[in-house]
Structure formats: C-alpha cells, structure tokens
Amino acid sequence: MDAQRIESGTPDGDALGFFESLYSGWLEIRENHRLYLHFIISRNKNEGNTQALIRQWLAQGYDVRVVMPRPIMQHILKKLQFTPSMETLPEWYEGIVEIWRRPKAWLLPGSSGD
C-alpha cells in the first residue's frame, strides 16, 4: 500500500492547508487521491476552520475519510453529508475501525454533493 503520513506544520501538511498555526494532528495520503484524517485539533475553536479544511480537500478532488471521529467531528461530518462505514487500516489499528466518508456517487467530477 502506497501511503504517506503527513503531520500538521510540515511542508507536505502546509501544501494541503494543514497549517500548524491552525491545527495539530496527522493525516495519511494514499493512492487514488484518498486522504485519511486520523487526528485533528483546531487551535481556534468554533471558527469553522476544520469544516473549511475538509471542504477545501473535497473541492480539490480528494476522497476524504475520517478515522474514528469524536462526536464534535461527527457533527461537522454530518453537515458535509458524510456517513459512517467500516474499514481495516492494519498499518495503524487492529481489527475493523469506523471511517466516515461521502457516498461514492458524490465523488464523481461534476456531481453536486455539496
């Protein structure tokens, strides 16, 4: 599996808008433009930065998936029409884990999933 771990505040993180001044956390980029957000903390609570970041990634064509989101993140994801599913990520977790993502039909170019 071709996966790249990216931390906030690194050059790769900055290129994705995952700036250390706004966030602490890490994500993973995989083949087929798939982005797994494993952990994020917004440094400026209640300013909409996390939602804006996820919207930016979606607009850039990433298949965004959020790993085991906490309730506050689930609230954001529901607004963005993400739904829960299950996957295995053996590089990081044992067994099957909860992953939130958008339905595949909404990932097609020109679809109106937003």
N, C-alpha and C. Protein backbone atom coordinates (compact mmCIF):
# COMPACT_ATOMS: atom_id res chain seq x y z
N MET A 1 0.85 -1.18 0.00
CA MET A 1 0.00 0.00 0.00
C MET A 1 0.89 1.24 0.00
N ASP A 2 0.65 2.13 -0.90
CA ASP A 2 1.43 3.36 -1.02
C ASP A 2 0.75 4.43 -0.17
N ALA A 3 1.24 4.63 1.06
CA ALA A 3 0.64 5.61 1.97
C ALA A 3 1.74 6.54 2.49
N GLN A 4 1.35 7.78 2.71
CA GLN A 4 2.29 8.77 3.22
C GLN A 4 1.67 9.46 4.43
N ARG A 5 2.31 9.36 5.59
CA ARG A 5 1.86 10.04 6.80
C ARG A 5 2.31 11.50 6.74
N ILE A 6 1.36 12.41 7.01
CA ILE A 6 1.64 13.84 6.95
C ILE A 6 1.19 14.49 8.25
N GLU A 7 2.10 15.22 8.87
CA GLU A 7 1.81 15.92 10.13
C GLU A 7 1.47 17.39 9.81
N SER A 8 0.67 17.98 10.69
CA SER A 8 0.43 19.42 10.56
C SER A 8 1.75 20.16 10.77
N GLY A 9 1.92 21.25 10.08
CA GLY A 9 3.11 22.06 10.24
C GLY A 9 4.33 21.60 9.46
N THR A 10 4.18 20.58 8.64
CA THR A 10 5.28 20.14 7.78
C THR A 10 5.06 20.74 6.39
N PRO A 11 6.07 20.74 5.53
CA PRO A 11 5.85 21.26 4.17
C PRO A 11 4.71 20.55 3.45
N ASP A 12 4.61 19.22 3.58
CA ASP A 12 3.50 18.50 2.95
C ASP A 12 2.16 18.88 3.57
N GLY A 13 2.14 19.05 4.88
CA GLY A 13 0.91 19.48 5.55
C GLY A 13 0.50 20.87 5.12
N ASP A 14 1.47 21.77 5.06
CA ASP A 14 1.18 23.15 4.62
C ASP A 14 0.62 23.17 3.20
N ALA A 15 1.15 22.31 2.33
CA ALA A 15 0.68 22.25 0.94
C ALA A 15 -0.79 21.84 0.87
N LEU A 16 -1.26 21.13 1.90
CA LEU A 16 -2.67 20.71 1.96
C LEU A 16 -3.53 21.67 2.79
N GLY A 17 -2.95 22.78 3.25
CA GLY A 17 -3.69 23.71 4.10
C GLY A 17 -3.76 23.27 5.55
N PHE A 18 -2.98 22.27 5.91
CA PHE A 18 -2.97 21.69 7.25
C PHE A 18 -1.89 22.39 8.08
N PHE A 19 -2.09 23.70 8.28
CA PHE A 19 -1.09 24.57 8.89
C PHE A 19 -1.02 24.38 10.40
N GLU A 20 0.21 24.40 10.93
CA GLU A 20 0.40 24.25 12.37
C GLU A 20 -0.23 25.40 13.15
N SER A 21 -0.32 26.56 12.55
CA SER A 21 -0.94 27.70 13.24
C SER A 21 -2.45 27.48 13.45
N LEU A 22 -3.05 26.60 12.66
CA LEU A 22 -4.49 26.35 12.77
C LEU A 22 -4.84 24.99 13.36
N TYR A 23 -3.96 23.99 13.16
CA TYR A 23 -4.30 22.61 13.53
C TYR A 23 -3.11 21.89 14.15
N SER A 24 -3.44 20.90 14.94
CA SER A 24 -2.48 19.90 15.38
C SER A 24 -3.07 18.56 14.97
N GLY A 25 -2.25 17.68 14.40
CA GLY A 25 -2.76 16.38 14.03
C GLY A 25 -1.96 15.73 12.93
N TRP A 26 -2.54 14.68 12.38
CA TRP A 26 -1.89 13.98 11.28
C TRP A 26 -2.93 13.33 10.37
N LEU A 27 -2.50 13.15 9.14
CA LEU A 27 -3.35 12.52 8.14
C LEU A 27 -2.49 11.61 7.29
N GLU A 28 -3.14 10.94 6.40
CA GLU A 28 -2.46 9.99 5.53
C GLU A 28 -3.00 10.16 4.12
N ILE A 29 -2.11 10.24 3.16
CA ILE A 29 -2.48 10.29 1.75
C ILE A 29 -2.16 8.92 1.15
N ARG A 30 -3.13 8.37 0.42
CA ARG A 30 -2.93 7.08 -0.26
C ARG A 30 -3.17 7.25 -1.75
N GLU A 31 -2.96 6.17 -2.47
CA GLU A 31 -3.18 6.19 -3.92
C GLU A 31 -4.62 6.59 -4.22
N ASN A 32 -4.87 6.94 -5.44
CA ASN A 32 -6.21 7.35 -5.92
C ASN A 32 -6.75 8.58 -5.21
N HIS A 33 -5.86 9.47 -4.78
CA HIS A 33 -6.27 10.75 -4.19
C HIS A 33 -7.14 10.55 -2.95
N ARG A 34 -6.82 9.51 -2.17
CA ARG A 34 -7.57 9.21 -0.95
C ARG A 34 -6.84 9.79 0.25
N LEU A 35 -7.55 10.57 1.06
CA LEU A 35 -6.98 11.23 2.22
C LEU A 35 -7.69 10.71 3.47
N TYR A 36 -6.93 10.17 4.40
CA TYR A 36 -7.47 9.71 5.69
C TYR A 36 -7.04 10.71 6.75
N LEU A 37 -8.01 11.35 7.40
CA LEU A 37 -7.72 12.24 8.52
C LEU A 37 -7.81 11.40 9.79
N HIS A 38 -6.64 11.18 10.41
CA HIS A 38 -6.58 10.33 11.60
C HIS A 38 -6.82 11.12 12.87
N PHE A 39 -6.28 12.33 12.94
CA PHE A 39 -6.38 13.11 14.17
C PHE A 39 -6.24 14.59 13.84
N ILE A 40 -7.14 15.39 14.41
CA ILE A 40 -7.05 16.84 14.21
C ILE A 40 -7.60 17.55 15.45
N ILE A 41 -6.90 18.58 15.84
CA ILE A 41 -7.37 19.50 16.87
C ILE A 41 -7.25 20.89 16.26
N SER A 42 -8.34 21.63 16.28
CA SER A 42 -8.32 23.01 15.80
C SER A 42 -7.76 23.89 16.91
N ARG A 43 -6.81 24.72 16.57
CA ARG A 43 -6.22 25.63 17.57
C ARG A 43 -7.14 26.81 17.86
N ASN A 44 -8.10 27.06 16.97
CA ASN A 44 -9.06 28.17 17.14
C ASN A 44 -10.46 27.57 17.13
N LYS A 45 -10.94 27.19 18.30
CA LYS A 45 -12.23 26.51 18.41
C LYS A 45 -13.38 27.38 17.89
N ASN A 46 -14.36 26.72 17.30
CA ASN A 46 -15.63 27.34 16.87
C ASN A 46 -15.47 28.43 15.82
N GLU A 47 -14.41 28.37 15.02
CA GLU A 47 -14.23 29.36 13.94
C GLU A 47 -14.47 28.75 12.56
N GLY A 48 -14.80 27.46 12.51
CA GLY A 48 -15.11 26.82 11.24
C GLY A 48 -13.91 26.38 10.43
N ASN A 49 -12.72 26.42 11.02
CA ASN A 49 -11.52 26.08 10.26
C ASN A 49 -11.49 24.62 9.82
N THR A 50 -11.91 23.71 10.69
CA THR A 50 -11.88 22.29 10.33
C THR A 50 -12.85 22.00 9.20
N GLN A 51 -14.04 22.55 9.29
CA GLN A 51 -15.03 22.36 8.23
C GLN A 51 -14.52 22.96 6.92
N ALA A 52 -13.92 24.12 6.98
CA ALA A 52 -13.38 24.76 5.78
C ALA A 52 -12.26 23.91 5.16
N LEU A 53 -11.42 23.32 6.01
CA LEU A 53 -10.34 22.49 5.52
C LEU A 53 -10.88 21.25 4.79
N ILE A 54 -11.86 20.60 5.38
CA ILE A 54 -12.45 19.42 4.75
C ILE A 54 -13.12 19.80 3.44
N ARG A 55 -13.83 20.91 3.41
CA ARG A 55 -14.45 21.40 2.16
C ARG A 55 -13.40 21.67 1.10
N GLN A 56 -12.27 22.24 1.50
CA GLN A 56 -11.17 22.52 0.56
C GLN A 56 -10.66 21.22 -0.04
N TRP A 57 -10.44 20.20 0.80
CA TRP A 57 -9.95 18.92 0.29
C TRP A 57 -10.94 18.30 -0.67
N LEU A 58 -12.23 18.38 -0.34
CA LEU A 58 -13.26 17.83 -1.24
C LEU A 58 -13.25 18.57 -2.58
N ALA A 59 -13.14 19.89 -2.53
CA ALA A 59 -13.11 20.70 -3.75
C ALA A 59 -11.89 20.38 -4.60
N GLN A 60 -10.80 19.96 -3.97
CA GLN A 60 -9.58 19.59 -4.69
C GLN A 60 -9.64 18.15 -5.21
N GLY A 61 -10.76 17.49 -4.98
CA GLY A 61 -10.94 16.15 -5.53
C GLY A 61 -10.48 15.00 -4.66
N TYR A 62 -10.16 15.27 -3.40
CA TYR A 62 -9.76 14.19 -2.51
C TYR A 62 -10.97 13.37 -2.06
N ASP A 63 -10.78 12.09 -1.95
CA ASP A 63 -11.74 11.18 -1.32
C ASP A 63 -11.39 11.22 0.16
N VAL A 64 -12.06 12.11 0.91
CA VAL A 64 -11.73 12.35 2.31
C VAL A 64 -12.42 11.32 3.19
N ARG A 65 -11.65 10.72 4.07
CA ARG A 65 -12.18 9.75 5.03
C ARG A 65 -11.65 10.13 6.41
N VAL A 66 -12.52 10.10 7.40
CA VAL A 66 -12.14 10.49 8.76
C VAL A 66 -12.21 9.25 9.65
N VAL A 67 -11.10 8.97 10.29
CA VAL A 67 -10.95 7.77 11.09
C VAL A 67 -11.46 8.00 12.52
N MET A 68 -12.39 7.18 12.94
CA MET A 68 -12.92 7.18 14.30
C MET A 68 -13.17 8.60 14.84
N PRO A 69 -14.02 9.37 14.17
CA PRO A 69 -14.23 10.75 14.61
C PRO A 69 -14.96 10.83 15.95
N ARG A 70 -14.58 11.81 16.73
CA ARG A 70 -15.24 12.09 18.00
C ARG A 70 -16.59 12.75 17.72
N PRO A 71 -17.47 12.83 18.70
CA PRO A 71 -18.82 13.38 18.46
C PRO A 71 -18.84 14.78 17.83
N ILE A 72 -17.96 15.67 18.23
CA ILE A 72 -17.96 17.01 17.63
C ILE A 72 -17.59 16.94 16.16
N MET A 73 -16.65 16.06 15.80
CA MET A 73 -16.28 15.89 14.40
C MET A 73 -17.42 15.23 13.64
N GLN A 74 -18.12 14.28 14.26
CA GLN A 74 -19.26 13.64 13.61
C GLN A 74 -20.32 14.68 13.25
N HIS A 75 -20.51 15.65 14.12
CA HIS A 75 -21.47 16.73 13.85
C HIS A 75 -21.08 17.51 12.58
N ILE A 76 -19.79 17.82 12.46
CA ILE A 76 -19.28 18.52 11.27
C ILE A 76 -19.47 17.64 10.04
N LEU A 77 -19.12 16.38 10.16
CA LEU A 77 -19.20 15.46 9.03
C LEU A 77 -20.64 15.26 8.56
N LYS A 78 -21.58 15.21 9.47
CA LYS A 78 -22.99 15.07 9.08
C LYS A 78 -23.43 16.27 8.24
N LYS A 79 -22.96 17.47 8.62
CA LYS A 79 -23.28 18.67 7.83
C LYS A 79 -22.74 18.57 6.40
N LEU A 80 -21.63 17.87 6.26
CA LEU A 80 -21.00 17.69 4.95
C LEU A 80 -21.48 16.42 4.26
N GLN A 81 -22.49 15.78 4.82
CA GLN A 81 -23.15 14.60 4.26
C GLN A 81 -22.24 13.37 4.21
N PHE A 82 -21.35 13.25 5.19
CA PHE A 82 -20.55 12.05 5.36
C PHE A 82 -21.40 11.02 6.09
N THR A 83 -21.10 9.75 5.87
CA THR A 83 -21.79 8.67 6.57
C THR A 83 -20.75 7.69 7.12
N PRO A 84 -21.11 7.00 8.20
CA PRO A 84 -20.16 6.05 8.78
C PRO A 84 -20.07 4.76 7.97
N SER A 85 -18.89 4.19 7.94
CA SER A 85 -18.65 2.89 7.32
C SER A 85 -17.53 2.22 8.12
N MET A 86 -17.08 1.08 7.66
CA MET A 86 -16.04 0.34 8.36
C MET A 86 -14.93 -0.03 7.37
N GLU A 87 -13.70 0.01 7.85
CA GLU A 87 -12.55 -0.38 7.04
C GLU A 87 -11.49 -1.00 7.94
N THR A 88 -10.53 -1.64 7.32
CA THR A 88 -9.35 -2.08 8.06
C THR A 88 -8.18 -1.20 7.62
N LEU A 89 -7.43 -0.76 8.59
CA LEU A 89 -6.21 0.03 8.36
C LEU A 89 -5.11 -0.63 9.18
N PRO A 90 -4.63 -1.79 8.73
CA PRO A 90 -3.72 -2.59 9.55
C PRO A 90 -2.39 -1.92 9.87
N GLU A 91 -2.03 -0.90 9.09
CA GLU A 91 -0.78 -0.18 9.37
C GLU A 91 -0.87 0.58 10.70
N TRP A 92 -2.09 0.92 11.12
CA TRP A 92 -2.27 1.80 12.27
C TRP A 92 -3.14 1.20 13.38
N TYR A 93 -4.11 0.35 13.02
CA TYR A 93 -5.09 -0.12 14.01
C TYR A 93 -5.33 -1.61 13.85
N GLU A 94 -5.65 -2.26 14.97
CA GLU A 94 -6.03 -3.67 14.93
C GLU A 94 -7.51 -3.78 14.61
N GLY A 95 -7.88 -4.74 13.80
CA GLY A 95 -9.28 -5.00 13.52
C GLY A 95 -9.91 -3.96 12.60
N ILE A 96 -11.22 -3.95 12.62
CA ILE A 96 -12.00 -3.05 11.78
C ILE A 96 -12.28 -1.76 12.55
N VAL A 97 -12.13 -0.62 11.88
CA VAL A 97 -12.36 0.68 12.53
C VAL A 97 -13.45 1.45 11.79
N GLU A 98 -14.08 2.36 12.52
CA GLU A 98 -15.10 3.22 11.92
C GLU A 98 -14.43 4.32 11.11
N ILE A 99 -14.91 4.49 9.89
CA ILE A 99 -14.43 5.51 8.97
C ILE A 99 -15.65 6.27 8.45
N TRP A 100 -15.62 7.60 8.48
CA TRP A 100 -16.69 8.40 7.91
C TRP A 100 -16.25 8.91 6.56
N ARG A 101 -17.14 8.80 5.56
CA ARG A 101 -16.81 9.24 4.20
C ARG A 101 -18.10 9.64 3.49
N ARG A 102 -17.92 10.22 2.33
CA ARG A 102 -19.08 10.58 1.50
C ARG A 102 -19.39 9.42 0.56
N PRO A 103 -20.66 9.23 0.23
CA PRO A 103 -21.02 8.18 -0.73
C PRO A 103 -20.27 8.36 -2.04
N LYS A 104 -19.87 7.25 -2.65
CA LYS A 104 -19.04 7.27 -3.85
C LYS A 104 -19.63 8.10 -5.00
N ALA A 105 -20.93 8.07 -5.17
CA ALA A 105 -21.58 8.82 -6.25
C ALA A 105 -21.27 10.32 -6.14
N TRP A 106 -21.05 10.80 -4.92
CA TRP A 106 -20.79 12.23 -4.71
C TRP A 106 -19.36 12.61 -5.01
N LEU A 107 -18.53 11.62 -5.26
CA LEU A 107 -17.12 11.89 -5.53
C LEU A 107 -16.84 12.08 -7.01
N LEU A 108 -17.82 11.80 -7.84
CA LEU A 108 -17.62 11.91 -9.28
C LEU A 108 -17.49 13.36 -9.72
N PRO A 109 -16.62 13.67 -10.66
CA PRO A 109 -16.48 15.04 -11.15
C PRO A 109 -17.82 15.57 -11.67
N GLY A 110 -18.11 16.79 -11.29
CA GLY A 110 -19.34 17.42 -11.76
C GLY A 110 -20.58 17.07 -10.95
N SER A 111 -20.41 16.21 -9.92
CA SER A 111 -21.58 15.88 -9.10
C SER A 111 -21.85 17.04 -8.15
N SER A 112 -23.06 17.11 -7.68
CA SER A 112 -23.43 18.22 -6.79
C SER A 112 -23.64 17.69 -5.38
N GLY A 113 -22.60 17.11 -4.81
CA GLY A 113 -22.67 16.57 -3.47
C GLY A 113 -22.60 17.58 -2.38
N ASP A 114 -22.22 18.81 -2.68
CA ASP A 114 -22.12 19.82 -1.61
C ASP A 114 -23.42 20.56 -1.43
